[in-house]
C-alpha atoms as a PDB file:
ATOM      1  CA  UNK A   1     219.807 401.758 180.491  1.00  0.00           C
ATOM      2  CA  UNK A   2     221.005 399.254 177.905  1.00  0.00           C
ATOM      3  CA  UNK A   3     217.581 399.274 176.312  1.00  0.00           C
ATOM      4  CA  UNK A   4     217.609 403.059 175.965  1.00  0.00           C
ATOM      5  CA  UNK A   5     221.126 403.085 174.540  1.00  0.00           C
ATOM      6  CA  UNK A   6     220.524 400.193 172.143  1.00  0.00           C
ATOM      7  CA  UNK A   7     217.180 401.319 170.744  1.00  0.00           C
ATOM      8  CA  UNK A   8     216.964 405.068 171.244  1.00  0.00           C
ATOM      9  CA  UNK A   9     213.433 404.611 172.542  1.00  0.00           C
ATOM     10  CA  UNK A  10     211.712 407.301 174.549  1.00  0.00           C
ATOM     11  CA  UNK A  11     211.346 406.586 178.254  1.00  0.00           C
ATOM     12  CA  UNK A  12     207.573 406.938 177.964  1.00  0.00           C
ATOM     13  CA  UNK A  13     207.561 404.265 175.207  1.00  0.00           C
ATOM     14  CA  UNK A  14     209.614 401.939 177.394  1.00  0.00           C
ATOM     15  CA  UNK A  15     207.233 402.469 180.309  1.00  0.00           C
ATOM     16  CA  UNK A  16     204.293 401.529 178.061  1.00  0.00           C
ATOM     17  CA  UNK A  17     205.877 398.243 176.927  1.00  0.00           C
ATOM     18  CA  UNK A  18     204.093 394.994 177.614  1.00  0.00           C
ATOM     19  CA  UNK A  19     205.380 391.458 177.287  1.00  0.00           C
ATOM     20  CA  UNK A  20     203.313 390.783 174.156  1.00  0.00           C
ATOM     21  CA  UNK A  21     205.071 393.733 172.429  1.00  0.00           C
ATOM     22  CA  UNK A  22     208.406 391.864 172.470  1.00  0.00           C
ATOM     23  CA  UNK A  23     209.231 389.276 169.807  1.00  0.00           C
ATOM     24  CA  UNK A  24     212.310 387.416 171.025  1.00  0.00           C
ATOM     25  CA  UNK A  25     212.585 385.275 167.875  1.00  0.00           C
ATOM     26  CA  UNK A  26     213.019 388.262 165.566  1.00  0.00           C
ATOM     27  CA  UNK A  27     214.701 390.347 168.293  1.00  0.00           C
ATOM     28  CA  UNK A  28     212.308 393.275 167.953  1.00  0.00           C
ATOM     29  CA  UNK A  29     209.755 395.378 169.761  1.00  0.00           C
ATOM     30  CA  UNK A  30     206.530 395.979 167.919  1.00  0.00           C
ATOM     31  CA  UNK A  31     204.995 399.126 169.343  1.00  0.00           C
ATOM     32  CA  UNK A  32     201.411 399.707 168.224  1.00  0.00           C
ATOM     33  CA  UNK A  33     200.411 403.196 167.130  1.00  0.00           C
ATOM     34  CA  UNK A  34     198.243 403.858 170.187  1.00  0.00           C
ATOM     35  CA  UNK A  35     201.266 403.443 172.506  1.00  0.00           C
ATOM     36  CA  UNK A  36     203.528 405.910 170.667  1.00  0.00           C
ATOM     37  CA  UNK A  37     203.857 409.651 170.935  1.00  0.00           C
ATOM     38  CA  UNK A  38     203.739 410.099 167.152  1.00  0.00           C
ATOM     39  CA  UNK A  39     200.850 407.589 166.718  1.00  0.00           C
ATOM     40  CA  UNK A  40     202.673 405.451 164.131  1.00  0.00           C
ATOM     41  CA  UNK A  41     203.521 401.763 164.316  1.00  0.00           C
ATOM     42  CA  UNK A  42     207.189 401.291 165.231  1.00  0.00           C
ATOM     43  CA  UNK A  43     209.292 398.164 164.891  1.00  0.00           C
ATOM     44  CA  UNK A  44     212.511 398.475 166.861  1.00  0.00           C
ATOM     45  CA  UNK A  45     215.252 395.872 166.551  1.00  0.00           C
ATOM     46  CA  UNK A  46     217.302 394.726 169.522  1.00  0.00           C
ATOM     47  CA  UNK A  47     220.886 393.582 169.805  1.00  0.00           C
ATOM     48  CA  UNK A  48     221.616 390.054 170.988  1.00  0.00           C
ATOM     49  CA  UNK A  49     223.189 391.465 174.151  1.00  0.00           C
ATOM     50  CA  UNK A  50     220.027 393.334 175.162  1.00  0.00           C
ATOM     51  CA  UNK A  51     217.840 390.295 174.439  1.00  0.00           C
ATOM     52  CA  UNK A  52     220.036 388.221 176.767  1.00  0.00           C
ATOM     53  CA  UNK A  53     219.745 390.891 179.462  1.00  0.00           C
ATOM     54  CA  UNK A  54     215.951 390.974 179.108  1.00  0.00           C
ATOM     55  CA  UNK A  55     215.749 387.192 179.446  1.00  0.00           C
ATOM     56  CA  UNK A  56     217.924 387.088 182.584  1.00  0.00           C
ATOM     57  CA  UNK A  57     215.990 386.339 185.760  1.00  0.00           C
ATOM     58  CA  UNK A  58     215.804 389.214 188.220  1.00  0.00           C
ATOM     59  CA  UNK A  59     217.541 388.488 191.499  1.00  0.00           C
END
Protein backbone atom coordinates (compact mmCIF):
# COMPACT_ATOMS: atom_id res chain seq x y z
CA UNK A 1 0.00 0.00 0.00
CA UNK A 2 2.82 2.39 0.84
CA UNK A 3 4.36 1.76 -2.55
CA UNK A 4 1.12 2.64 -4.34
CA UNK A 5 0.62 5.78 -2.27
CA UNK A 6 4.23 6.94 -2.56
CA UNK A 7 4.69 6.37 -6.29
CA UNK A 8 1.25 6.42 -7.86
CA UNK A 9 2.18 3.30 -9.81
CA UNK A 10 -0.45 1.12 -11.41
CA UNK A 11 -1.06 -2.21 -9.69
CA UNK A 12 -0.19 -4.04 -12.91
CA UNK A 13 3.19 -2.22 -13.00
CA UNK A 14 3.87 -3.20 -9.40
CA UNK A 15 3.01 -6.82 -10.15
CA UNK A 16 5.50 -6.80 -13.05
CA UNK A 17 8.38 -5.49 -10.90
CA UNK A 18 11.51 -7.55 -10.55
CA UNK A 19 14.40 -7.11 -8.16
CA UNK A 20 16.73 -5.83 -10.90
CA UNK A 21 14.24 -2.99 -11.61
CA UNK A 22 14.94 -1.43 -8.19
CA UNK A 23 17.97 0.80 -7.63
CA UNK A 24 18.30 1.26 -3.87
CA UNK A 25 21.27 3.64 -4.16
CA UNK A 26 19.34 6.22 -6.18
CA UNK A 27 16.02 5.28 -4.54
CA UNK A 28 14.23 4.65 -7.83
CA UNK A 29 12.43 2.07 -9.91
CA UNK A 30 13.48 1.84 -13.51
CA UNK A 31 10.61 0.31 -15.42
CA UNK A 32 11.52 -0.71 -18.97
CA UNK A 33 9.11 0.15 -21.77
CA UNK A 34 8.03 -3.45 -22.34
CA UNK A 35 6.69 -3.70 -18.76
CA UNK A 36 4.53 -0.55 -18.92
CA UNK A 37 1.02 -0.01 -20.17
CA UNK A 38 2.04 3.07 -22.18
CA UNK A 39 5.24 1.41 -23.53
CA UNK A 40 7.56 4.20 -22.36
CA UNK A 41 10.53 3.96 -20.01
CA UNK A 42 9.57 5.21 -16.54
CA UNK A 43 11.87 6.19 -13.70
CA UNK A 44 9.96 6.45 -10.44
CA UNK A 45 11.60 7.85 -7.32
CA UNK A 46 10.95 6.42 -3.87
CA UNK A 47 10.84 8.03 -0.46
CA UNK A 48 13.33 6.94 2.18
CA UNK A 49 10.48 5.47 4.23
CA UNK A 50 9.35 3.16 1.42
CA UNK A 51 12.93 2.04 0.72
CA UNK A 52 13.30 1.07 4.39
CA UNK A 53 10.03 -0.87 4.22
CA UNK A 54 11.16 -2.71 1.08
CA UNK A 55 14.45 -3.68 2.73
CA UNK A 56 12.78 -5.02 5.89
CA UNK A 57 12.83 -8.80 6.16
CA UNK A 58 9.44 -10.46 5.89
CA UNK A 59 8.39 -12.25 9.04
